[in-house]
Amino acid sequence: MAAILFATLDVINKKYITKEKMLCMLFYSSLFTTIILFIPLLNGFKVPTSKDIFYFTILGIGSNLILFCILKAFDTVKASVLAPLRYIELIFSIILGYFIFNDIPSYNMLIGASIIIPTSLYVILKFK
């Protein structure tokens, strides 16, 4: 499901980056995320601590910075050029998850990644 949503987001971003201003795209992305996350918030809201607010602030700044860079990349090159970078993101996520959160990748995740990455790279190289 995550792969489908990321691919959909990439297509939408590539399509609209030439038509919309960067700040508008960042705003609508944040607005959509806020609306979607409001639903689970209703079920389990807890008042955030000052430490939580600090982490939320860092998360908000970081995620908007990442989205800005992704949108700038889509504005600069074709989407097919950026596709392999999604797999580098997967590798970094595994490494950072292990070192920061002590999250050991599951066997199923490693098997899935070992199937998805080479087949996607094959399709990209074959049908370039």
N, C-alpha and C. Protein backbone atom coordinates (compact mmCIF):
# COMPACT_ATOMS: atom_id res chain seq x y z
N MET A 1 0.82 -1.19 0.00
CA MET A 1 0.00 0.00 0.00
C MET A 1 0.87 1.26 0.00
N ALA A 2 1.94 1.23 0.78
CA ALA A 2 2.83 2.40 0.83
C ALA A 2 3.46 2.66 -0.53
N ALA A 3 3.86 1.60 -1.23
CA ALA A 3 4.47 1.78 -2.55
C ALA A 3 3.47 2.41 -3.53
N ILE A 4 2.23 1.98 -3.45
CA ILE A 4 1.19 2.55 -4.32
C ILE A 4 0.96 4.02 -4.00
N LEU A 5 0.91 4.35 -2.72
CA LEU A 5 0.69 5.75 -2.33
C LEU A 5 1.88 6.63 -2.70
N PHE A 6 3.10 6.14 -2.51
CA PHE A 6 4.27 6.92 -2.90
C PHE A 6 4.30 7.12 -4.42
N ALA A 7 3.99 6.08 -5.17
CA ALA A 7 3.97 6.22 -6.63
C ALA A 7 2.91 7.22 -7.07
N THR A 8 1.74 7.15 -6.45
CA THR A 8 0.67 8.10 -6.76
C THR A 8 1.10 9.52 -6.43
N LEU A 9 1.72 9.69 -5.29
CA LEU A 9 2.21 11.02 -4.89
C LEU A 9 3.25 11.53 -5.88
N ASP A 10 4.14 10.66 -6.34
CA ASP A 10 5.15 11.08 -7.31
C ASP A 10 4.51 11.53 -8.62
N VAL A 11 3.51 10.81 -9.08
CA VAL A 11 2.82 11.18 -10.33
C VAL A 11 2.10 12.52 -10.16
N ILE A 12 1.41 12.68 -9.04
CA ILE A 12 0.72 13.95 -8.79
C ILE A 12 1.72 15.10 -8.69
N ASN A 13 2.79 14.89 -7.97
CA ASN A 13 3.81 15.95 -7.83
C ASN A 13 4.40 16.32 -9.18
N LYS A 14 4.74 15.34 -10.00
CA LYS A 14 5.33 15.61 -11.30
C LYS A 14 4.35 16.35 -12.21
N LYS A 15 3.08 15.99 -12.12
CA LYS A 15 2.07 16.60 -12.99
C LYS A 15 1.82 18.06 -12.62
N TYR A 16 1.74 18.34 -11.33
CA TYR A 16 1.34 19.67 -10.91
C TYR A 16 2.49 20.64 -10.63
N ILE A 17 3.73 20.15 -10.56
CA ILE A 17 4.84 21.05 -10.25
C ILE A 17 5.05 22.08 -11.35
N THR A 18 4.68 21.73 -12.57
CA THR A 18 4.83 22.69 -13.67
C THR A 18 3.69 23.70 -13.70
N LYS A 19 2.58 23.41 -13.02
CA LYS A 19 1.40 24.28 -13.06
C LYS A 19 1.22 25.12 -11.80
N GLU A 20 1.70 24.63 -10.68
CA GLU A 20 1.47 25.30 -9.40
C GLU A 20 2.79 25.85 -8.85
N LYS A 21 2.67 26.83 -7.98
CA LYS A 21 3.85 27.37 -7.30
C LYS A 21 4.27 26.39 -6.20
N MET A 22 5.55 26.44 -5.89
CA MET A 22 6.12 25.53 -4.88
C MET A 22 5.42 25.69 -3.52
N LEU A 23 5.23 26.92 -3.08
CA LEU A 23 4.60 27.15 -1.78
C LEU A 23 3.17 26.63 -1.73
N CYS A 24 2.45 26.74 -2.85
CA CYS A 24 1.08 26.18 -2.89
C CYS A 24 1.10 24.67 -2.72
N MET A 25 2.04 24.02 -3.38
CA MET A 25 2.12 22.56 -3.28
C MET A 25 2.50 22.14 -1.86
N LEU A 26 3.42 22.87 -1.24
CA LEU A 26 3.79 22.56 0.14
C LEU A 26 2.60 22.77 1.08
N PHE A 27 1.86 23.85 0.86
CA PHE A 27 0.69 24.14 1.69
C PHE A 27 -0.37 23.05 1.56
N TYR A 28 -0.72 22.69 0.32
CA TYR A 28 -1.77 21.69 0.12
C TYR A 28 -1.35 20.31 0.61
N SER A 29 -0.08 20.00 0.51
CA SER A 29 0.40 18.74 1.05
C SER A 29 0.23 18.70 2.56
N SER A 30 0.60 19.79 3.23
CA SER A 30 0.45 19.86 4.69
C SER A 30 -1.02 19.85 5.09
N LEU A 31 -1.85 20.56 4.34
CA LEU A 31 -3.28 20.59 4.64
C LEU A 31 -3.91 19.21 4.50
N PHE A 32 -3.59 18.51 3.40
CA PHE A 32 -4.13 17.17 3.17
C PHE A 32 -3.69 16.21 4.28
N THR A 33 -2.41 16.28 4.66
CA THR A 33 -1.90 15.43 5.72
C THR A 33 -2.60 15.71 7.04
N THR A 34 -2.83 16.99 7.33
CA THR A 34 -3.51 17.37 8.57
C THR A 34 -4.93 16.83 8.59
N ILE A 35 -5.63 16.94 7.48
CA ILE A 35 -7.01 16.44 7.40
C ILE A 35 -7.05 14.93 7.58
N ILE A 36 -6.17 14.22 6.90
CA ILE A 36 -6.14 12.75 7.00
C ILE A 36 -5.79 12.31 8.42
N LEU A 37 -4.84 12.97 9.07
CA LEU A 37 -4.42 12.57 10.41
C LEU A 37 -5.39 13.03 11.50
N PHE A 38 -6.33 13.88 11.15
CA PHE A 38 -7.31 14.33 12.13
C PHE A 38 -8.23 13.18 12.56
N ILE A 39 -8.50 12.25 11.66
CA ILE A 39 -9.40 11.12 11.95
C ILE A 39 -8.85 10.24 13.07
N PRO A 40 -7.58 9.74 12.98
CA PRO A 40 -7.08 8.95 14.11
C PRO A 40 -6.88 9.79 15.38
N LEU A 41 -6.67 11.08 15.21
CA LEU A 41 -6.51 11.96 16.36
C LEU A 41 -7.75 11.94 17.24
N LEU A 42 -8.92 11.83 16.64
CA LEU A 42 -10.16 11.82 17.41
C LEU A 42 -10.27 10.61 18.32
N ASN A 43 -9.65 9.52 17.93
CA ASN A 43 -9.75 8.28 18.70
C ASN A 43 -8.77 8.18 19.86
N GLY A 44 -7.64 8.87 19.78
CA GLY A 44 -6.64 8.67 20.83
C GLY A 44 -5.85 9.91 21.14
N PHE A 45 -6.48 11.04 21.29
CA PHE A 45 -5.75 12.28 21.55
C PHE A 45 -5.21 12.31 22.97
N LYS A 46 -3.94 12.68 23.09
CA LYS A 46 -3.31 12.94 24.38
C LYS A 46 -2.64 14.31 24.26
N VAL A 47 -2.68 15.07 25.31
CA VAL A 47 -2.04 16.38 25.30
C VAL A 47 -0.53 16.17 25.16
N PRO A 48 0.08 16.78 24.12
CA PRO A 48 1.52 16.58 23.94
C PRO A 48 2.34 17.31 24.99
N THR A 49 3.44 16.69 25.37
CA THR A 49 4.37 17.32 26.30
C THR A 49 5.24 18.31 25.53
N SER A 50 6.02 19.09 26.22
CA SER A 50 6.91 20.04 25.54
C SER A 50 7.96 19.28 24.71
N LYS A 51 8.37 18.13 25.18
CA LYS A 51 9.30 17.29 24.41
C LYS A 51 8.64 16.83 23.11
N ASP A 52 7.35 16.42 23.19
CA ASP A 52 6.62 16.01 22.00
C ASP A 52 6.49 17.16 21.01
N ILE A 53 6.20 18.35 21.50
CA ILE A 53 6.05 19.51 20.62
C ILE A 53 7.38 19.82 19.93
N PHE A 54 8.48 19.67 20.65
CA PHE A 54 9.79 19.85 20.04
C PHE A 54 9.99 18.85 18.89
N TYR A 55 9.68 17.58 19.15
CA TYR A 55 9.83 16.56 18.11
C TYR A 55 8.88 16.81 16.94
N PHE A 56 7.65 17.23 17.21
CA PHE A 56 6.71 17.55 16.14
C PHE A 56 7.22 18.71 15.29
N THR A 57 7.83 19.69 15.93
CA THR A 57 8.39 20.83 15.20
C THR A 57 9.52 20.39 14.28
N ILE A 58 10.42 19.57 14.81
CA ILE A 58 11.52 19.04 14.00
C ILE A 58 10.97 18.20 12.85
N LEU A 59 9.97 17.37 13.14
CA LEU A 59 9.35 16.55 12.11
C LEU A 59 8.71 17.41 11.03
N GLY A 60 8.00 18.45 11.41
CA GLY A 60 7.35 19.34 10.45
C GLY A 60 8.35 20.06 9.57
N ILE A 61 9.39 20.58 10.18
CA ILE A 61 10.43 21.28 9.40
C ILE A 61 11.13 20.30 8.46
N GLY A 62 11.50 19.15 8.99
CA GLY A 62 12.20 18.16 8.17
C GLY A 62 11.36 17.63 7.03
N SER A 63 10.10 17.32 7.30
CA SER A 63 9.25 16.76 6.24
C SER A 63 8.96 17.79 5.16
N ASN A 64 8.77 19.05 5.54
CA ASN A 64 8.55 20.08 4.52
C ASN A 64 9.83 20.36 3.72
N LEU A 65 10.96 20.27 4.37
CA LEU A 65 12.24 20.44 3.66
C LEU A 65 12.44 19.31 2.66
N ILE A 66 12.13 18.10 3.08
CA ILE A 66 12.25 16.95 2.18
C ILE A 66 11.29 17.10 1.00
N LEU A 67 10.05 17.48 1.28
CA LEU A 67 9.08 17.66 0.20
C LEU A 67 9.52 18.77 -0.75
N PHE A 68 10.07 19.85 -0.22
CA PHE A 68 10.58 20.92 -1.07
C PHE A 68 11.66 20.38 -2.02
N CYS A 69 12.58 19.59 -1.48
CA CYS A 69 13.66 19.03 -2.31
C CYS A 69 13.11 18.07 -3.36
N ILE A 70 12.13 17.25 -2.99
CA ILE A 70 11.52 16.33 -3.95
C ILE A 70 10.82 17.11 -5.06
N LEU A 71 10.06 18.13 -4.70
CA LEU A 71 9.37 18.94 -5.70
C LEU A 71 10.36 19.65 -6.61
N LYS A 72 11.43 20.16 -6.04
CA LYS A 72 12.46 20.83 -6.84
C LYS A 72 13.08 19.83 -7.81
N ALA A 73 13.31 18.61 -7.35
CA ALA A 73 13.88 17.58 -8.22
C ALA A 73 12.91 17.24 -9.35
N PHE A 74 11.62 17.10 -9.06
CA PHE A 74 10.63 16.83 -10.10
C PHE A 74 10.55 17.96 -11.10
N ASP A 75 10.78 19.18 -10.65
CA ASP A 75 10.75 20.33 -11.54
C ASP A 75 11.97 20.36 -12.45
N THR A 76 13.04 19.70 -12.02
CA THR A 76 14.30 19.77 -12.75
C THR A 76 14.50 18.62 -13.74
N VAL A 77 14.16 17.39 -13.34
CA VAL A 77 14.42 16.22 -14.18
C VAL A 77 13.17 15.37 -14.34
N LYS A 78 13.27 14.36 -15.22
CA LYS A 78 12.16 13.43 -15.42
C LYS A 78 11.99 12.53 -14.20
N ALA A 79 10.75 12.09 -13.99
CA ALA A 79 10.44 11.24 -12.83
C ALA A 79 11.20 9.92 -12.88
N SER A 80 11.44 9.40 -14.08
CA SER A 80 12.15 8.11 -14.19
C SER A 80 13.59 8.22 -13.70
N VAL A 81 14.16 9.40 -13.76
CA VAL A 81 15.52 9.59 -13.25
C VAL A 81 15.53 9.53 -11.73
N LEU A 82 14.44 9.97 -11.10
CA LEU A 82 14.37 10.01 -9.65
C LEU A 82 13.95 8.68 -9.01
N ALA A 83 13.37 7.79 -9.80
CA ALA A 83 12.86 6.53 -9.25
C ALA A 83 13.91 5.72 -8.47
N PRO A 84 15.13 5.58 -8.96
CA PRO A 84 16.11 4.80 -8.18
C PRO A 84 16.43 5.41 -6.81
N LEU A 85 16.24 6.71 -6.67
CA LEU A 85 16.52 7.33 -5.38
C LEU A 85 15.54 6.89 -4.30
N ARG A 86 14.34 6.46 -4.70
CA ARG A 86 13.39 5.94 -3.72
C ARG A 86 13.94 4.70 -3.03
N TYR A 87 14.76 3.93 -3.74
CA TYR A 87 15.30 2.72 -3.16
C TYR A 87 16.49 3.02 -2.26
N ILE A 88 17.20 4.08 -2.57
CA ILE A 88 18.25 4.54 -1.65
C ILE A 88 17.59 4.98 -0.35
N GLU A 89 16.42 5.62 -0.48
CA GLU A 89 15.65 6.04 0.70
C GLU A 89 15.28 4.82 1.55
N LEU A 90 14.91 3.74 0.92
CA LEU A 90 14.57 2.51 1.63
C LEU A 90 15.78 1.98 2.40
N ILE A 91 16.92 1.99 1.76
CA ILE A 91 18.14 1.50 2.40
C ILE A 91 18.50 2.37 3.60
N PHE A 92 18.45 3.70 3.43
CA PHE A 92 18.74 4.61 4.54
C PHE A 92 17.74 4.44 5.67
N SER A 93 16.48 4.18 5.34
CA SER A 93 15.46 3.97 6.37
C SER A 93 15.78 2.74 7.21
N ILE A 94 16.22 1.70 6.56
CA ILE A 94 16.59 0.47 7.28
C ILE A 94 17.77 0.75 8.21
N ILE A 95 18.78 1.42 7.68
CA ILE A 95 19.99 1.69 8.46
C ILE A 95 19.68 2.63 9.64
N LEU A 96 19.00 3.74 9.37
CA LEU A 96 18.69 4.69 10.44
C LEU A 96 17.72 4.08 11.45
N GLY A 97 16.77 3.29 10.98
CA GLY A 97 15.85 2.61 11.90
C GLY A 97 16.57 1.70 12.86
N TYR A 98 17.59 1.03 12.36
CA TYR A 98 18.36 0.13 13.20
C TYR A 98 19.17 0.91 14.24
N PHE A 99 19.89 1.93 13.79
CA PHE A 99 20.80 2.65 14.69
C PHE A 99 20.08 3.63 15.63
N ILE A 100 19.01 4.23 15.19
CA ILE A 100 18.32 5.22 16.03
C ILE A 100 17.26 4.57 16.91
N PHE A 101 16.48 3.63 16.34
CA PHE A 101 15.35 3.06 17.07
C PHE A 101 15.56 1.60 17.47
N ASN A 102 16.73 1.04 17.19
CA ASN A 102 16.99 -0.38 17.44
C ASN A 102 15.96 -1.28 16.76
N ASP A 103 15.50 -0.86 15.60
CA ASP A 103 14.50 -1.60 14.84
C ASP A 103 15.21 -2.58 13.92
N ILE A 104 15.06 -3.84 14.21
CA ILE A 104 15.69 -4.86 13.39
C ILE A 104 14.73 -5.22 12.26
N PRO A 105 15.19 -5.11 11.00
CA PRO A 105 14.32 -5.42 9.87
C PRO A 105 13.84 -6.86 9.93
N SER A 106 12.57 -7.04 9.65
CA SER A 106 12.01 -8.40 9.67
C SER A 106 12.47 -9.16 8.43
N TYR A 107 12.36 -10.44 8.53
CA TYR A 107 12.72 -11.32 7.41
C TYR A 107 11.85 -10.99 6.20
N ASN A 108 10.56 -10.81 6.42
CA ASN A 108 9.64 -10.51 5.30
C ASN A 108 9.99 -9.18 4.64
N MET A 109 10.39 -8.18 5.43
CA MET A 109 10.75 -6.89 4.86
C MET A 109 12.01 -7.02 4.00
N LEU A 110 12.97 -7.77 4.47
CA LEU A 110 14.20 -7.96 3.70
C LEU A 110 13.93 -8.73 2.41
N ILE A 111 13.09 -9.74 2.47
CA ILE A 111 12.72 -10.49 1.27
C ILE A 111 11.99 -9.57 0.29
N GLY A 112 11.04 -8.78 0.79
CA GLY A 112 10.30 -7.85 -0.07
C GLY A 112 11.22 -6.83 -0.72
N ALA A 113 12.13 -6.26 0.06
CA ALA A 113 13.07 -5.28 -0.49
C ALA A 113 13.99 -5.91 -1.52
N SER A 114 14.41 -7.16 -1.25
CA SER A 114 15.31 -7.83 -2.20
C SER A 114 14.60 -8.20 -3.49
N ILE A 115 13.28 -8.21 -3.50
CA ILE A 115 12.52 -8.44 -4.73
C ILE A 115 12.20 -7.11 -5.42
N ILE A 116 11.74 -6.15 -4.66
CA ILE A 116 11.28 -4.88 -5.22
C ILE A 116 12.43 -4.09 -5.86
N ILE A 117 13.53 -3.97 -5.17
CA ILE A 117 14.62 -3.11 -5.65
C ILE A 117 15.20 -3.61 -6.98
N PRO A 118 15.61 -4.87 -7.09
CA PRO A 118 16.19 -5.30 -8.38
C PRO A 118 15.18 -5.29 -9.53
N THR A 119 13.95 -5.69 -9.26
CA THR A 119 12.97 -5.71 -10.36
C THR A 119 12.64 -4.30 -10.83
N SER A 120 12.55 -3.37 -9.91
CA SER A 120 12.29 -1.99 -10.31
C SER A 120 13.45 -1.41 -11.08
N LEU A 121 14.65 -1.67 -10.62
CA LEU A 121 15.83 -1.19 -11.34
C LEU A 121 15.92 -1.81 -12.74
N TYR A 122 15.53 -3.08 -12.85
CA TYR A 122 15.51 -3.72 -14.16
C TYR A 122 14.52 -3.03 -15.09
N VAL A 123 13.33 -2.77 -14.61
CA VAL A 123 12.32 -2.10 -15.43
C VAL A 123 12.80 -0.71 -15.85
N ILE A 124 13.41 0.02 -14.90
CA ILE A 124 13.91 1.37 -15.22
C ILE A 124 14.98 1.31 -16.30
N LEU A 125 15.92 0.38 -16.16
CA LEU A 125 17.02 0.28 -17.13
C LEU A 125 16.55 -0.28 -18.46
N LYS A 126 15.63 -1.21 -18.44
CA LYS A 126 15.16 -1.87 -19.67
C LYS A 126 14.30 -0.94 -20.52
N PHE A 127 13.41 -0.17 -19.87
CA PHE A 127 12.45 0.65 -20.61
C PHE A 127 12.73 2.14 -20.51
N LYS A 128 13.96 2.49 -20.35
CA LYS A 128 14.39 3.86 -20.20
C LYS A 128 14.02 4.73 -21.35
